[in-house]
PDB file of N, CA and C in Angstrom:
ATOM      1  N   MET A   1     -20.225  -2.561 -28.326  1.00  0.00           N
ATOM      2  CA  MET A   1     -19.582  -3.411 -27.356  1.00  0.00           C
ATOM      3  C   MET A   1     -20.213  -3.134 -25.995  1.00  0.00           C
ATOM      4  N   GLU A   2     -20.604  -4.206 -25.339  1.00  0.00           N
ATOM      5  CA  GLU A   2     -21.211  -4.064 -24.021  1.00  0.00           C
ATOM      6  C   GLU A   2     -20.134  -4.131 -22.950  1.00  0.00           C
ATOM      7  N   LEU A   3     -20.172  -3.212 -22.034  1.00  0.00           N
ATOM      8  CA  LEU A   3     -19.228  -3.190 -20.920  1.00  0.00           C
ATOM      9  C   LEU A   3     -19.977  -3.528 -19.650  1.00  0.00           C
ATOM     10  N   THR A   4     -19.365  -4.330 -18.824  1.00  0.00           N
ATOM     11  CA  THR A   4     -19.973  -4.636 -17.531  1.00  0.00           C
ATOM     12  C   THR A   4     -19.050  -4.152 -16.432  1.00  0.00           C
ATOM     13  N   LEU A   5     -19.632  -3.667 -15.397  1.00  0.00           N
ATOM     14  CA  LEU A   5     -18.870  -3.170 -14.259  1.00  0.00           C
ATOM     15  C   LEU A   5     -18.604  -4.320 -13.305  1.00  0.00           C
ATOM     16  N   GLN A   6     -17.336  -4.547 -12.999  1.00  0.00           N
ATOM     17  CA  GLN A   6     -16.994  -5.591 -12.039  1.00  0.00           C
ATOM     18  C   GLN A   6     -17.188  -5.051 -10.631  1.00  0.00           C
ATOM     19  N   SER A   7     -17.776  -5.860  -9.805  1.00  0.00           N
ATOM     20  CA  SER A   7     -17.953  -5.490  -8.407  1.00  0.00           C
ATOM     21  C   SER A   7     -16.729  -5.938  -7.620  1.00  0.00           C
ATOM     22  N   ILE A   8     -16.148  -5.025  -6.878  1.00  0.00           N
ATOM     23  CA  ILE A   8     -15.014  -5.366  -6.025  1.00  0.00           C
ATOM     24  C   ILE A   8     -15.574  -5.654  -4.643  1.00  0.00           C
ATOM     25  N   LYS A   9     -15.421  -6.903  -4.211  1.00  0.00           N
ATOM     26  CA  LYS A   9     -16.046  -7.345  -2.966  1.00  0.00           C
ATOM     27  C   LYS A   9     -15.225  -7.022  -1.733  1.00  0.00           C
ATOM     28  N   SER A  10     -13.982  -6.668  -1.906  1.00  0.00           N
ATOM     29  CA  SER A  10     -13.125  -6.387  -0.760  1.00  0.00           C
ATOM     30  C   SER A  10     -13.575  -5.112  -0.060  1.00  0.00           C
ATOM     31  N   ALA A  11     -13.651  -5.182   1.251  1.00  0.00           N
ATOM     32  CA  ALA A  11     -13.981  -3.994   2.042  1.00  0.00           C
ATOM     33  C   ALA A  11     -12.804  -3.026   2.067  1.00  0.00           C
ATOM     34  N   LEU A  12     -11.641  -3.475   1.602  1.00  0.00           N
ATOM     35  CA  LEU A  12     -10.444  -2.647   1.658  1.00  0.00           C
ATOM     36  C   LEU A  12     -10.161  -1.938   0.339  1.00  0.00           C
ATOM     37  N   PHE A  13     -11.153  -1.782  -0.493  1.00  0.00           N
ATOM     38  CA  PHE A  13     -11.024  -1.012  -1.720  1.00  0.00           C
ATOM     39  C   PHE A  13     -10.885   0.469  -1.364  1.00  0.00           C
ATOM     40  N   ILE A  14      -9.883   1.138  -1.926  1.00  0.00           N
ATOM     41  CA  ILE A  14      -9.660   2.560  -1.650  1.00  0.00           C
ATOM     42  C   ILE A  14     -10.602   3.372  -2.530  1.00  0.00           C
ATOM     43  N   LYS A  15     -11.524   4.073  -1.898  1.00  0.00           N
ATOM     44  CA  LYS A  15     -12.509   4.859  -2.643  1.00  0.00           C
ATOM     45  C   LYS A  15     -11.950   6.188  -3.124  1.00  0.00           C
ATOM     46  N   ASN A  16     -11.133   6.823  -2.279  1.00  0.00           N
ATOM     47  CA  ASN A  16     -10.651   8.159  -2.632  1.00  0.00           C
ATOM     48  C   ASN A  16      -9.399   8.483  -1.832  1.00  0.00           C
ATOM     49  N   TYR A  17      -8.545   9.287  -2.443  1.00  0.00           N
ATOM     50  CA  TYR A  17      -7.343   9.790  -1.770  1.00  0.00           C
ATOM     51  C   TYR A  17      -7.251  11.273  -2.074  1.00  0.00           C
ATOM     52  N   GLU A  18      -7.286  12.099  -1.037  1.00  0.00           N
ATOM     53  CA  GLU A  18      -7.174  13.546  -1.228  1.00  0.00           C
ATOM     54  C   GLU A  18      -6.765  14.211   0.077  1.00  0.00           C
ATOM     55  N   ASP A  19      -6.080  15.317  -0.038  1.00  0.00           N
ATOM     56  CA  ASP A  19      -5.711  16.138   1.124  1.00  0.00           C
ATOM     57  C   ASP A  19      -5.182  15.318   2.298  1.00  0.00           C
ATOM     58  N   HIS A  20      -4.280  14.410   2.015  1.00  0.00           N
ATOM     59  CA  HIS A  20      -3.652  13.585   3.049  1.00  0.00           C
ATOM     60  C   HIS A  20      -4.655  12.713   3.791  1.00  0.00           C
ATOM     61  N   SER A  21      -5.758  12.380   3.136  1.00  0.00           N
ATOM     62  CA  SER A  21      -6.774  11.493   3.701  1.00  0.00           C
ATOM     63  C   SER A  21      -7.090  10.391   2.703  1.00  0.00           C
ATOM     64  N   LEU A  22      -7.478   9.252   3.256  1.00  0.00           N
ATOM     65  CA  LEU A  22      -7.787   8.081   2.445  1.00  0.00           C
ATOM     66  C   LEU A  22      -9.152   7.566   2.867  1.00  0.00           C
ATOM     67  N   TYR A  23      -9.996   7.256   1.904  1.00  0.00           N
ATOM     68  CA  TYR A  23     -11.334   6.757   2.177  1.00  0.00           C
ATOM     69  C   TYR A  23     -11.384   5.277   1.815  1.00  0.00           C
ATOM     70  N   ILE A  24     -11.574   4.435   2.814  1.00  0.00           N
ATOM     71  CA  ILE A  24     -11.673   2.995   2.616  1.00  0.00           C
ATOM     72  C   ILE A  24     -12.973   2.544   3.261  1.00  0.00           C
ATOM     73  N   GLY A  25     -13.832   1.918   2.468  1.00  0.00           N
ATOM     74  CA  GLY A  25     -15.147   1.553   2.987  1.00  0.00           C
ATOM     75  C   GLY A  25     -15.868   2.816   3.411  1.00  0.00           C
ATOM     76  N   ASP A  26     -16.378   2.819   4.611  1.00  0.00           N
ATOM     77  CA  ASP A  26     -17.075   4.009   5.108  1.00  0.00           C
ATOM     78  C   ASP A  26     -16.231   4.785   6.115  1.00  0.00           C
ATOM     79  N   LYS A  27     -14.916   4.533   6.110  1.00  0.00           N
ATOM     80  CA  LYS A  27     -14.027   5.203   7.063  1.00  0.00           C
ATOM     81  C   LYS A  27     -13.039   6.119   6.350  1.00  0.00           C
ATOM     82  N   ILE A  28     -12.642   7.164   7.075  1.00  0.00           N
ATOM     83  CA  ILE A  28     -11.633   8.101   6.585  1.00  0.00           C
ATOM     84  C   ILE A  28     -10.386   7.924   7.443  1.00  0.00           C
ATOM     85  N   TYR A  29      -9.241   7.796   6.787  1.00  0.00           N
ATOM     86  CA  TYR A  29      -7.967   7.624   7.483  1.00  0.00           C
ATOM     87  C   TYR A  29      -7.052   8.793   7.159  1.00  0.00           C
ATOM     88  N   SER A  30      -6.321   9.240   8.161  1.00  0.00           N
ATOM     89  CA  SER A  30      -5.273  10.234   7.939  1.00  0.00           C
ATOM     90  C   SER A  30      -4.039   9.735   8.677  1.00  0.00           C
ATOM     91  N   GLY A  31      -2.910  10.207   8.299  1.00  0.00           N
ATOM     92  CA  GLY A  31      -1.679   9.661   8.858  1.00  0.00           C
ATOM     93  C   GLY A  31      -1.264   8.450   8.046  1.00  0.00           C
ATOM     94  N   ASN A  32      -0.046   8.044   8.187  1.00  0.00           N
ATOM     95  CA  ASN A  32       0.485   6.931   7.410  1.00  0.00           C
ATOM     96  C   ASN A  32      -0.206   5.634   7.807  1.00  0.00           C
ATOM     97  N   ILE A  33      -0.534   4.809   6.796  1.00  0.00           N
ATOM     98  CA  ILE A  33      -1.258   3.570   7.080  1.00  0.00           C
ATOM     99  C   ILE A  33      -0.624   2.375   6.385  1.00  0.00           C
ATOM    100  N   LEU A  34      -0.967   1.224   6.921  1.00  0.00           N
ATOM    101  CA  LEU A  34      -0.538  -0.069   6.401  1.00  0.00           C
ATOM    102  C   LEU A  34      -1.813  -0.859   6.119  1.00  0.00           C
ATOM    103  N   ILE A  35      -1.939  -1.400   4.912  1.00  0.00           N
ATOM    104  CA  ILE A  35      -3.124  -2.175   4.552  1.00  0.00           C
ATOM    105  C   ILE A  35      -2.695  -3.605   4.234  1.00  0.00           C
ATOM    106  N   THR A  36      -3.225  -4.553   4.993  1.00  0.00           N
ATOM    107  CA  THR A  36      -3.057  -5.977   4.683  1.00  0.00           C
ATOM    108  C   THR A  36      -4.484  -6.511   4.542  1.00  0.00           C
ATOM    109  N   ASN A  37      -4.909  -7.386   5.433  1.00  0.00           N
ATOM    110  CA  ASN A  37      -6.314  -7.784   5.453  1.00  0.00           C
ATOM    111  C   ASN A  37      -7.116  -6.859   6.371  1.00  0.00           C
ATOM    112  N   LEU A  38      -6.433  -5.856   6.922  1.00  0.00           N
ATOM    113  CA  LEU A  38      -7.059  -4.798   7.714  1.00  0.00           C
ATOM    114  C   LEU A  38      -6.237  -3.527   7.545  1.00  0.00           C
ATOM    115  N   VAL A  39      -6.746  -2.449   8.064  1.00  0.00           N
ATOM    116  CA  VAL A  39      -6.061  -1.157   7.957  1.00  0.00           C
ATOM    117  C   VAL A  39      -5.522  -0.788   9.333  1.00  0.00           C
ATOM    118  N   GLU A  40      -4.238  -0.452   9.384  1.00  0.00           N
ATOM    119  CA  GLU A  40      -3.590  -0.088  10.649  1.00  0.00           C
ATOM    120  C   GLU A  40      -2.773   1.186  10.463  1.00  0.00           C
ATOM    121  N   LYS A  41      -2.525   1.857  11.572  1.00  0.00           N
ATOM    122  CA  LYS A  41      -1.593   2.987  11.558  1.00  0.00           C
ATOM    123  C   LYS A  41      -0.200   2.426  11.278  1.00  0.00           C
ATOM    124  N   TRP A  42       0.539   3.087  10.407  1.00  0.00           N
ATOM    125  CA  TRP A  42       1.899   2.652  10.090  1.00  0.00           C
ATOM    126  C   TRP A  42       2.863   3.492  10.905  1.00  0.00           C
ATOM    127  N   ASN A  43       3.695   2.846  11.694  1.00  0.00           N
ATOM    128  CA  ASN A  43       4.584   3.558  12.624  1.00  0.00           C
ATOM    129  C   ASN A  43       5.828   4.096  11.927  1.00  0.00           C
ATOM    130  N   TYR A  44       5.616   4.845  10.879  1.00  0.00           N
ATOM    131  CA  TYR A  44       6.723   5.489  10.174  1.00  0.00           C
ATOM    132  C   TYR A  44       6.471   6.989  10.154  1.00  0.00           C
ATOM    133  N   ASN A  45       7.456   7.731  10.574  1.00  0.00           N
ATOM    134  CA  ASN A  45       7.410   9.186  10.548  1.00  0.00           C
ATOM    135  C   ASN A  45       8.366   9.627   9.449  1.00  0.00           C
ATOM    136  N   ASP A  46       7.953  10.548   8.627  1.00  0.00           N
ATOM    137  CA  ASP A  46       8.792  10.999   7.510  1.00  0.00           C
ATOM    138  C   ASP A  46      10.189  11.422   7.952  1.00  0.00           C
ATOM    139  N   LYS A  47      10.339  11.759   9.211  1.00  0.00           N
ATOM    140  CA  LYS A  47      11.651  12.181   9.712  1.00  0.00           C
ATOM    141  C   LYS A  47      12.534  10.978  10.057  1.00  0.00           C
ATOM    142  N   ASP A  48      11.890   9.801  10.228  1.00  0.00           N
ATOM    143  CA  ASP A  48      12.649   8.581  10.519  1.00  0.00           C
ATOM    144  C   ASP A  48      13.429   8.147   9.289  1.00  0.00           C
ATOM    145  N   SER A  49      14.512   7.475   9.540  1.00  0.00           N
ATOM    146  CA  SER A  49      15.248   6.844   8.459  1.00  0.00           C
ATOM    147  C   SER A  49      14.560   5.511   8.178  1.00  0.00           C
ATOM    148  N   LEU A  50      14.072   5.337   6.971  1.00  0.00           N
ATOM    149  CA  LEU A  50      13.334   4.137   6.602  1.00  0.00           C
ATOM    150  C   LEU A  50      14.255   2.926   6.589  1.00  0.00           C
ATOM    151  N   ASP A  51      13.836   1.845   7.261  1.00  0.00           N
ATOM    152  CA  ASP A  51      14.607   0.601   7.222  1.00  0.00           C
ATOM    153  C   ASP A  51      13.644  -0.582   7.181  1.00  0.00           C
ATOM    154  N   LEU A  52      14.186  -1.773   7.092  1.00  0.00           N
ATOM    155  CA  LEU A  52      13.376  -2.979   6.935  1.00  0.00           C
ATOM    156  C   LEU A  52      12.395  -3.176   8.089  1.00  0.00           C
ATOM    157  N   SER A  53      12.742  -2.724   9.288  1.00  0.00           N
ATOM    158  CA  SER A  53      11.848  -2.907  10.441  1.00  0.00           C
ATOM    159  C   SER A  53      10.503  -2.203  10.234  1.00  0.00           C
ATOM    160  N   HIS A  54      10.472  -1.147   9.429  1.00  0.00           N
ATOM    161  CA  HIS A  54       9.220  -0.446   9.156  1.00  0.00           C
ATOM    162  C   HIS A  54       8.248  -1.305   8.339  1.00  0.00           C
ATOM    163  N   PHE A  55       8.764  -2.333   7.676  1.00  0.00           N
ATOM    164  CA  PHE A  55       7.937  -3.197   6.836  1.00  0.00           C
ATOM    165  C   PHE A  55       7.643  -4.548   7.492  1.00  0.00           C
ATOM    166  N   LYS A  56       8.065  -4.724   8.742  1.00  0.00           N
ATOM    167  CA  LYS A  56       7.935  -6.010   9.429  1.00  0.00           C
ATOM    168  C   LYS A  56       6.484  -6.506   9.454  1.00  0.00           C
ATOM    169  N   GLY A  57       5.560  -5.646   9.824  1.00  0.00           N
ATOM    170  CA  GLY A  57       4.154  -6.045   9.909  1.00  0.00           C
ATOM    171  C   GLY A  57       3.561  -6.464   8.585  1.00  0.00           C
ATOM    172  N   VAL A  58       3.943  -5.800   7.534  1.00  0.00           N
ATOM    173  CA  VAL A  58       3.395  -6.121   6.218  1.00  0.00           C
ATOM    174  C   VAL A  58       4.076  -7.354   5.621  1.00  0.00           C
ATOM    175  N   VAL A  59       5.352  -7.544   5.881  1.00  0.00           N
ATOM    176  CA  VAL A  59       6.065  -8.728   5.390  1.00  0.00           C
ATOM    177  C   VAL A  59       5.504  -9.987   6.049  1.00  0.00           C
ATOM    178  N   SER A  60       5.156  -9.908   7.332  1.00  0.00           N
ATOM    179  CA  SER A  60       4.617 -11.073   8.043  1.00  0.00           C
ATOM    180  C   SER A  60       3.257 -11.510   7.484  1.00  0.00           C
ATOM    181  N   TYR A  61       2.561 -10.633   6.791  1.00  0.00           N
ATOM    182  CA  TYR A  61       1.295 -10.955   6.122  1.00  0.00           C
ATOM    183  C   TYR A  61       1.537 -11.862   4.908  1.00  0.00           C
ATOM    184  N   GLU A  62       2.758 -11.901   4.420  1.00  0.00           N
ATOM    185  CA  GLU A  62       3.183 -12.707   3.273  1.00  0.00           C
ATOM    186  C   GLU A  62       2.373 -12.420   2.006  1.00  0.00           C
ATOM    187  N   PRO A  63       2.324 -11.148   1.602  1.00  0.00           N
ATOM    188  CA  PRO A  63       1.601 -10.830   0.370  1.00  0.00           C
ATOM    189  C   PRO A  63       2.412 -11.246  -0.857  1.00  0.00           C
ATOM    190  N   GLU A  64       1.749 -11.264  -2.009  1.00  0.00           N
ATOM    191  CA  GLU A  64       2.467 -11.468  -3.267  1.00  0.00           C
ATOM    192  C   GLU A  64       3.346 -10.254  -3.556  1.00  0.00           C
ATOM    193  N   ILE A  65       2.803  -9.088  -3.215  1.00  0.00           N
ATOM    194  CA  ILE A  65       3.479  -7.835  -3.531  1.00  0.00           C
ATOM    195  C   ILE A  65       3.143  -6.784  -2.484  1.00  0.00           C
ATOM    196  N   ILE A  66       4.108  -5.926  -2.205  1.00  0.00           N
ATOM    197  CA  ILE A  66       3.916  -4.768  -1.331  1.00  0.00           C
ATOM    198  C   ILE A  66       3.985  -3.525  -2.208  1.00  0.00           C
ATOM    199  N   ILE A  67       2.978  -2.679  -2.088  1.00  0.00           N
ATOM    200  CA  ILE A  67       2.959  -1.394  -2.783  1.00  0.00           C
ATOM    201  C   ILE A  67       3.295  -0.331  -1.744  1.00  0.00           C
ATOM    202  N   TYR A  68       4.372   0.396  -1.974  1.00  0.00           N
ATOM    203  CA  TYR A  68       4.814   1.446  -1.052  1.00  0.00           C
ATOM    204  C   TYR A  68       4.523   2.801  -1.682  1.00  0.00           C
ATOM    205  N   GLY A  69       3.565   3.525  -1.114  1.00  0.00           N
ATOM    206  CA  GLY A  69       3.231   4.877  -1.556  1.00  0.00           C
ATOM    207  C   GLY A  69       4.060   5.873  -0.774  1.00  0.00           C
ATOM    208  N   THR A  70       4.921   6.604  -1.460  1.00  0.00           N
ATOM    209  CA  THR A  70       5.932   7.437  -0.801  1.00  0.00           C
ATOM    210  C   THR A  70       5.468   8.853  -0.477  1.00  0.00           C
ATOM    211  N   GLY A  71       4.191   9.139  -0.650  1.00  0.00           N
ATOM    212  CA  GLY A  71       3.701  10.493  -0.409  1.00  0.00           C
ATOM    213  C   GLY A  71       3.526  11.232  -1.726  1.00  0.00           C
ATOM    214  N   MET A  72       3.579  12.553  -1.671  1.00  0.00           N
ATOM    215  CA  MET A  72       3.387  13.356  -2.880  1.00  0.00           C
ATOM    216  C   MET A  72       4.618  13.357  -3.784  1.00  0.00           C
ATOM    217  N   ASN A  73       5.768  13.067  -3.205  1.00  0.00           N
ATOM    218  CA  ASN A  73       7.016  13.012  -3.971  1.00  0.00           C
ATOM    219  C   ASN A  73       7.560  11.595  -3.947  1.00  0.00           C
ATOM    220  N   LEU A  74       8.218  11.219  -5.019  1.00  0.00           N
ATOM    221  CA  LEU A  74       8.812   9.893  -5.086  1.00  0.00           C
ATOM    222  C   LEU A  74      10.087   9.863  -4.264  1.00  0.00           C
ATOM    223  N   ASN A  75      10.129   8.985  -3.285  1.00  0.00           N
ATOM    224  CA  ASN A  75      11.315   8.778  -2.456  1.00  0.00           C
ATOM    225  C   ASN A  75      11.741   7.334  -2.628  1.00  0.00           C
ATOM    226  N   ILE A  76      12.913   7.138  -3.155  1.00  0.00           N
ATOM    227  CA  ILE A  76      13.390   5.795  -3.449  1.00  0.00           C
ATOM    228  C   ILE A  76      13.977   5.171  -2.186  1.00  0.00           C
ATOM    229  N   PRO A  77      13.442   4.010  -1.767  1.00  0.00           N
ATOM    230  CA  PRO A  77      13.987   3.355  -0.574  1.00  0.00           C
ATOM    231  C   PRO A  77      15.378   2.785  -0.844  1.00  0.00           C
ATOM    232  N   GLU A  78      16.123   2.564   0.223  1.00  0.00           N
ATOM    233  CA  GLU A  78      17.457   1.981   0.099  1.00  0.00           C
ATOM    234  C   GLU A  78      17.359   0.624  -0.598  1.00  0.00           C
ATOM    235  N   SER A  79      18.347   0.319  -1.408  1.00  0.00           N
ATOM    236  CA  SER A  79      18.324  -0.925  -2.186  1.00  0.00           C
ATOM    237  C   SER A  79      18.306  -2.166  -1.299  1.00  0.00           C
ATOM    238  N   ASN A  80      18.898  -2.085  -0.100  1.00  0.00           N
ATOM    239  CA  ASN A  80      18.889  -3.259   0.778  1.00  0.00           C
ATOM    240  C   ASN A  80      17.481  -3.588   1.270  1.00  0.00           C
ATOM    241  N   ILE A  81      16.611  -2.597   1.414  1.00  0.00           N
ATOM    242  CA  ILE A  81      15.221  -2.846   1.809  1.00  0.00           C
ATOM    243  C   ILE A  81      14.520  -3.625   0.701  1.00  0.00           C
ATOM    244  N   ILE A  82      14.662  -3.139  -0.518  1.00  0.00           N
ATOM    245  CA  ILE A  82      14.037  -3.800  -1.667  1.00  0.00           C
ATOM    246  C   ILE A  82      14.561  -5.229  -1.793  1.00  0.00           C
ATOM    247  N   TYR A  83      15.870  -5.390  -1.705  1.00  0.00           N
ATOM    248  CA  TYR A  83      16.501  -6.701  -1.844  1.00  0.00           C
ATOM    249  C   TYR A  83      16.020  -7.668  -0.762  1.00  0.00           C
ATOM    250  N   ASP A  84      16.008  -7.220   0.493  1.00  0.00           N
ATOM    251  CA  ASP A  84      15.613  -8.094   1.601  1.00  0.00           C
ATOM    252  C   ASP A  84      14.159  -8.544   1.492  1.00  0.00           C
ATOM    253  N   ILE A  85      13.289  -7.670   1.017  1.00  0.00           N
ATOM    254  CA  ILE A  85      11.879  -8.044   0.843  1.00  0.00           C
ATOM    255  C   ILE A  85      11.737  -9.011  -0.328  1.00  0.00           C
ATOM    256  N   GLN A  86      12.382  -8.694  -1.450  1.00  0.00           N
ATOM    257  CA  GLN A  86      12.278  -9.564  -2.620  1.00  0.00           C
ATOM    258  C   GLN A  86      12.924 -10.927  -2.380  1.00  0.00           C
ATOM    259  N   LYS A  87      13.929 -10.969  -1.537  1.00  0.00           N
ATOM    260  CA  LYS A  87      14.596 -12.228  -1.194  1.00  0.00           C
ATOM    261  C   LYS A  87      13.622 -13.197  -0.509  1.00  0.00           C
ATOM    262  N   GLN A  88      12.570 -12.657   0.096  1.00  0.00           N
ATOM    263  CA  GLN A  88      11.555 -13.473   0.771  1.00  0.00           C
ATOM    264  C   GLN A  88      10.435 -13.900  -0.182  1.00  0.00           C
ATOM    265  N   GLY A  89      10.623 -13.631  -1.470  1.00  0.00           N
ATOM    266  CA  GLY A  89       9.627 -14.021  -2.465  1.00  0.00           C
ATOM    267  C   GLY A  89       8.453 -13.070  -2.566  1.00  0.00           C
ATOM    268  N   ILE A  90       8.623 -11.855  -2.076  1.00  0.00           N
ATOM    269  CA  ILE A  90       7.568 -10.840  -2.092  1.00  0.00           C
ATOM    270  C   ILE A  90       7.977  -9.734  -3.058  1.00  0.00           C
ATOM    271  N   GLY A  91       7.086  -9.407  -3.991  1.00  0.00           N
ATOM    272  CA  GLY A  91       7.351  -8.292  -4.894  1.00  0.00           C
ATOM    273  C   GLY A  91       7.289  -6.981  -4.129  1.00  0.00           C
ATOM    274  N   PHE A  92       8.012  -5.983  -4.602  1.00  0.00           N
ATOM    275  CA  PHE A  92       8.041  -4.682  -3.927  1.00  0.00           C
ATOM    276  C   PHE A  92       8.078  -3.585  -4.980  1.00  0.00           C
ATOM    277  N   GLU A  93       7.090  -2.713  -4.945  1.00  0.00           N
ATOM    278  CA  GLU A  93       7.023  -1.580  -5.868  1.00  0.00           C
ATOM    279  C   GLU A  93       6.838  -0.304  -5.056  1.00  0.00           C
ATOM    280  N   PHE A  94       7.457   0.765  -5.500  1.00  0.00           N
ATOM    281  CA  PHE A  94       7.289   2.051  -4.830  1.00  0.00           C
ATOM    282  C   PHE A  94       6.909   3.099  -5.860  1.00  0.00           C
ATOM    283  N   MET A  95       6.070   4.037  -5.429  1.00  0.00           N
ATOM    284  CA  MET A  95       5.560   5.088  -6.310  1.00  0.00           C
ATOM    285  C   MET A  95       4.898   6.143  -5.435  1.00  0.00           C
ATOM    286  N   ILE A  96       4.516   7.271  -6.025  1.00  0.00           N
ATOM    287  CA  ILE A  96       3.805   8.271  -5.227  1.00  0.00           C
ATOM    288  C   ILE A  96       2.496   7.650  -4.728  1.00  0.00           C
ATOM    289  N   THR A  97       1.972   8.164  -3.643  1.00  0.00           N
ATOM    290  CA  THR A  97       0.816   7.549  -2.994  1.00  0.00           C
ATOM    291  C   THR A  97      -0.417   7.514  -3.885  1.00  0.00           C
ATOM    292  N   GLU A  98      -0.656   8.541  -4.661  1.00  0.00           N
ATOM    293  CA  GLU A  98      -1.827   8.527  -5.545  1.00  0.00           C
ATOM    294  C   GLU A  98      -1.771   7.334  -6.497  1.00  0.00           C
ATOM    295  N   SER A  99      -0.622   7.101  -7.096  1.00  0.00           N
ATOM    296  CA  SER A  99      -0.449   5.952  -7.995  1.00  0.00           C
ATOM    297  C   SER A  99      -0.526   4.639  -7.232  1.00  0.00           C
ATOM    298  N   ALA A 100       0.001   4.625  -6.019  1.00  0.00           N
ATOM    299  CA  ALA A 100      -0.035   3.412  -5.198  1.00  0.00           C
ATOM    300  C   ALA A 100      -1.477   3.004  -4.888  1.00  0.00           C
ATOM    301  N   CYS A 101      -2.339   3.983  -4.621  1.00  0.00           N
ATOM    302  CA  CYS A 101      -3.749   3.683  -4.356  1.00  0.00           C
ATOM    303  C   CYS A 101      -4.401   3.038  -5.576  1.00  0.00           C
ATOM    304  N   LYS A 102      -4.135   3.579  -6.751  1.00  0.00           N
ATOM    305  CA  LYS A 102      -4.704   3.024  -7.987  1.00  0.00           C
ATOM    306  C   LYS A 102      -4.178   1.618  -8.244  1.00  0.00           C
ATOM    307  N   THR A 103      -2.888   1.423  -8.040  1.00  0.00           N
ATOM    308  CA  THR A 103      -2.281   0.109  -8.253  1.00  0.00           C
ATOM    309  C   THR A 103      -2.832  -0.906  -7.258  1.00  0.00           C
ATOM    310  N   PHE A 104      -2.963  -0.497  -6.003  1.00  0.00           N
ATOM    311  CA  PHE A 104      -3.536  -1.369  -4.977  1.00  0.00           C
ATOM    312  C   PHE A 104      -4.934  -1.828  -5.393  1.00  0.00           C
ATOM    313  N   ASN A 105      -5.782  -0.887  -5.805  1.00  0.00           N
ATOM    314  CA  ASN A 105      -7.146  -1.235  -6.211  1.00  0.00           C
ATOM    315  C   ASN A 105      -7.158  -2.196  -7.395  1.00  0.00           C
ATOM    316  N   LEU A 106      -6.281  -1.968  -8.351  1.00  0.00           N
ATOM    317  CA  LEU A 106      -6.211  -2.849  -9.517  1.00  0.00           C
ATOM    318  C   LEU A 106      -5.870  -4.275  -9.084  1.00  0.00           C
ATOM    319  N   LEU A 107      -4.873  -4.411  -8.225  1.00  0.00           N
ATOM    320  CA  LEU A 107      -4.460  -5.738  -7.765  1.00  0.00           C
ATOM    321  C   LEU A 107      -5.535  -6.402  -6.905  1.00  0.00           C
ATOM    322  N   VAL A 108      -6.227  -5.622  -6.075  1.00  0.00           N
ATOM    323  CA  VAL A 108      -7.338  -6.154  -5.279  1.00  0.00           C
ATOM    324  C   VAL A 108      -8.444  -6.653  -6.209  1.00  0.00           C
ATOM    325  N   SER A 109      -8.716  -5.911  -7.278  1.00  0.00           N
ATOM    326  CA  SER A 109      -9.768  -6.313  -8.217  1.00  0.00           C
ATOM    327  C   SER A 109      -9.420  -7.616  -8.932  1.00  0.00           C
ATOM    328  N   GLU A 110      -8.140  -7.946  -8.982  1.00  0.00           N
ATOM    329  CA  GLU A 110      -7.684  -9.209  -9.575  1.00  0.00           C
ATOM    330  C   GLU A 110      -7.584 -10.320  -8.525  1.00  0.00           C
ATOM    331  N   ASN A 111      -8.093 -10.042  -7.321  1.00  0.00           N
ATOM    332  CA  ASN A 111      -8.057 -10.995  -6.197  1.00  0.00           C
ATOM    333  C   ASN A 111      -6.643 -11.426  -5.833  1.00  0.00           C
ATOM    334  N   ARG A 112      -5.710 -10.501  -5.945  1.00  0.00           N
ATOM    335  CA  ARG A 112      -4.323 -10.775  -5.574  1.00  0.00           C
ATOM    336  C   ARG A 112      -4.145 -10.490  -4.088  1.00  0.00           C
ATOM    337  N   LYS A 113      -3.219 -11.200  -3.461  1.00  0.00           N
ATOM    338  CA  LYS A 113      -2.895 -10.953  -2.049  1.00  0.00           C
ATOM    339  C   LYS A 113      -1.857  -9.834  -2.028  1.00  0.00           C
ATOM    340  N   VAL A 114      -2.348  -8.623  -1.861  1.00  0.00           N
ATOM    341  CA  VAL A 114      -1.516  -7.426  -1.940  1.00  0.00           C
ATOM    342  C   VAL A 114      -1.552  -6.693  -0.609  1.00  0.00           C
ATOM    343  N   ALA A 115      -0.472  -6.006  -0.306  1.00  0.00           N
ATOM    344  CA  ALA A 115      -0.408  -5.154   0.879  1.00  0.00           C
ATOM    345  C   ALA A 115       0.088  -3.785   0.433  1.00  0.00           C
ATOM    346  N   ALA A 116      -0.263  -2.773   1.192  1.00  0.00           N
ATOM    347  CA  ALA A 116       0.190  -1.421   0.876  1.00  0.00           C
ATOM    348  C   ALA A 116       0.656  -0.725   2.143  1.00  0.00           C
ATOM    349  N   VAL A 117       1.706   0.047   1.998  1.00  0.00           N
ATOM    350  CA  VAL A 117       2.147   0.959   3.049  1.00  0.00           C
ATOM    351  C   VAL A 117       2.134   2.340   2.410  1.00  0.00           C
ATOM    352  N   LEU A 118       1.375   3.238   3.001  1.00  0.00           N
ATOM    353  CA  LEU A 118       1.098   4.513   2.349  1.00  0.00           C
ATOM    354  C   LEU A 118       1.440   5.698   3.241  1.00  0.00           C
ATOM    355  N   VAL A 119       2.259   6.578   2.719  1.00  0.00           N
ATOM    356  CA  VAL A 119       2.552   7.852   3.373  1.00  0.00           C
ATOM    357  C   VAL A 119       1.482   8.829   2.914  1.00  0.00           C
ATOM    358  N   LEU A 120       0.711   9.326   3.864  1.00  0.00           N
ATOM    359  CA  LEU A 120      -0.341  10.273   3.528  1.00  0.00           C
ATOM    360  C   LEU A 120       0.110  11.671   3.864  1.00  0.00           C
TER     361      LEU A 120
END
């Protein structure tokens, strides 16, 4: 069986995640980030109480789905956050950041309009 490697044309493909750093394209990011059609610092501090306002920038991008990487440990967001995002017709999944990076790349490779918010 012949296998062919698909080329991912998006510049926002996550190359690597390690030691609280993320490699996207030729840049290294540290600190929490938000990925839509660009990469931005995400204004969420782990000490803050997470609420819908933290997702405002990513919701306005109107992705099909938001992938929320919760860091090294799984932290379940309040049900009202999930409900309010899904009520707008946007899928919402949460998982540890390592898994979120893999899921993001998979969806990007399928040319899906995906966004990610990642706790590094």
